[in-house]
Amino acid sequence: MSSGNPDSALAAVQRFQTAFDAQDVDAIMATMTGDCVFEDTSPPDGRRHVGADAVREAWTALFAGAPDGGFTTEELIEAGDRVVVRWRYSWGSGHVRGVDVFSVRDGLVAEKLAYVKG
């Protein structure tokens, strides 16, 4: 799915996902606000990473810990300044499925809340 409006929430999330798929932390951070928030899927409620430095550290750790892992987008749903992404994360012979809820502000990802099926 492609958004024709480069300022849309969907377009912002698509830029984020392109950088994320490349595991390019600098490019990911360029798609996020300086006060960004990322909530990961750590049980039971996820760990909250606040601010660019903390979020950068989380991405760096994720990619270092699972360099062969990869996400496949199953569906994108845009709702105003929010985008929901259903995904599948695969590694070796395993996988999990989950959902990310993104909030976008001024064309950048401000928040990414991740949830996984358990």
Protein backbone atom coordinates (compact mmCIF):
# COMPACT_ATOMS: atom_id res chain seq x y z
CA MET A 1 0.00 0.00 0.00
CA SER A 2 1.41 3.39 -0.95
CA SER A 3 0.27 6.79 0.19
CA GLY A 4 0.08 9.52 -2.44
CA ASN A 5 0.42 12.26 0.21
CA PRO A 6 4.05 12.52 1.44
CA ASP A 7 2.83 14.32 4.59
CA SER A 8 0.32 11.63 5.59
CA ALA A 9 0.70 9.44 8.66
CA LEU A 10 0.82 6.41 6.38
CA ALA A 11 3.71 7.88 4.35
CA ALA A 12 5.62 8.62 7.59
CA VAL A 13 5.20 5.03 8.78
CA GLN A 14 6.21 3.68 5.38
CA ARG A 15 9.45 5.73 5.56
CA PHE A 16 10.04 4.33 9.06
CA GLN A 17 9.42 0.76 7.85
CA THR A 18 11.79 1.10 4.91
CA ALA A 19 14.57 2.19 7.27
CA PHE A 20 13.61 -0.50 9.80
CA ASP A 21 13.66 -3.25 7.17
CA ALA A 22 17.19 -2.14 6.25
CA GLN A 23 18.15 -2.22 9.98
CA ASP A 24 19.55 1.29 9.47
CA VAL A 25 19.34 2.90 12.92
CA ASP A 26 20.39 6.36 11.67
CA ALA A 27 17.69 6.28 8.98
CA ILE A 28 15.10 5.03 11.49
CA MET A 29 15.88 7.86 13.88
CA ALA A 30 15.61 10.38 11.01
CA THR A 31 11.95 9.30 10.66
CA MET A 32 11.19 9.86 14.37
CA THR A 33 10.63 12.94 16.54
CA GLY A 34 13.26 13.96 19.08
CA ASP A 35 10.87 13.15 21.92
CA CYS A 36 9.82 9.81 20.42
CA VAL A 37 8.52 6.88 22.44
CA PHE A 38 8.87 3.16 21.75
CA GLU A 39 7.17 0.51 23.85
CA ASP A 40 8.61 -2.92 23.10
CA THR A 41 6.97 -6.31 23.57
CA SER A 42 8.84 -7.41 26.71
CA PRO A 43 6.44 -9.21 29.07
CA PRO A 44 4.28 -8.45 30.86
CA ASP A 45 3.60 -4.85 29.74
CA GLY A 46 6.51 -3.92 27.49
CA ARG A 47 9.46 -1.70 28.29
CA ARG A 48 9.00 2.01 27.56
CA HIS A 49 11.89 3.81 25.83
CA VAL A 50 11.50 7.61 25.89
CA GLY A 51 13.53 10.08 23.83
CA ALA A 52 15.77 9.66 20.83
CA ASP A 53 18.78 8.33 22.76
CA ALA A 54 16.78 5.61 24.54
CA VAL A 55 14.91 4.61 21.38
CA ARG A 56 18.16 4.48 19.36
CA GLU A 57 19.64 2.20 22.03
CA ALA A 58 16.59 -0.10 21.82
CA TRP A 59 16.85 -0.43 18.01
CA THR A 60 20.59 -1.06 18.19
CA ALA A 61 20.07 -3.83 20.77
CA LEU A 62 17.22 -5.38 18.77
CA PHE A 63 19.23 -5.64 15.56
CA ALA A 64 22.39 -6.84 17.33
CA GLY A 65 20.44 -9.52 19.20
CA ALA A 66 18.67 -10.90 16.13
CA PRO A 67 20.55 -9.94 12.95
CA ASP A 68 18.75 -12.63 10.91
CA GLY A 69 15.25 -11.72 12.12
CA GLY A 70 12.85 -10.02 9.78
CA PHE A 71 9.42 -8.41 9.79
CA THR A 72 6.75 -8.93 7.17
CA THR A 73 3.88 -6.45 7.02
CA GLU A 74 0.49 -8.14 6.86
CA GLU A 75 -1.71 -5.03 6.87
CA LEU A 76 -1.51 -1.24 7.26
CA ILE A 77 -4.48 0.74 8.58
CA GLU A 78 -4.40 4.55 8.63
CA ALA A 79 -6.69 6.46 11.00
CA GLY A 80 -5.90 10.17 11.11
CA ASP A 81 -2.53 10.66 12.83
CA ARG A 82 -2.34 6.97 13.76
CA VAL A 83 -1.33 3.93 11.76
CA VAL A 84 -1.80 0.31 12.82
CA VAL A 85 0.54 -2.28 11.33
CA ARG A 86 -0.16 -6.01 11.62
CA TRP A 87 3.11 -7.90 11.24
CA ARG A 88 4.89 -11.24 11.42
CA TYR A 89 8.43 -11.47 12.80
CA SER A 90 10.40 -14.53 11.66
CA TRP A 91 13.77 -15.94 12.69
CA GLY A 92 15.31 -19.34 11.97
CA SER A 93 12.46 -21.82 12.31
CA GLY A 94 10.23 -19.63 14.49
CA HIS A 95 7.90 -16.67 14.26
CA VAL A 96 5.51 -14.46 16.22
CA ARG A 97 2.74 -12.17 15.06
CA GLY A 98 1.87 -8.78 16.43
CA VAL A 99 0.61 -5.26 15.98
CA ASP A 100 2.26 -1.83 16.17
CA VAL A 101 0.27 1.30 16.88
CA PHE A 102 2.06 4.37 15.54
CA SER A 103 1.33 8.03 16.29
CA VAL A 104 2.63 10.56 13.79
CA ARG A 105 3.29 14.26 14.38
CA ASP A 106 4.52 16.74 11.74
CA GLY A 107 5.38 13.94 9.31
CA LEU A 108 7.50 11.99 11.83
CA VAL A 109 6.82 8.96 14.00
CA ALA A 110 6.28 10.20 17.56
CA GLU A 111 5.24 6.92 19.14
CA LYS A 112 5.44 3.21 18.34
CA LEU A 113 3.59 0.90 20.71
CA ALA A 114 4.28 -2.79 19.97
CA TYR A 115 2.09 -5.74 20.96
CA VAL A 116 2.70 -9.43 20.29
CA LYS A 117 0.46 -12.50 20.36
CA GLY A 118 1.47 -14.69 23.26
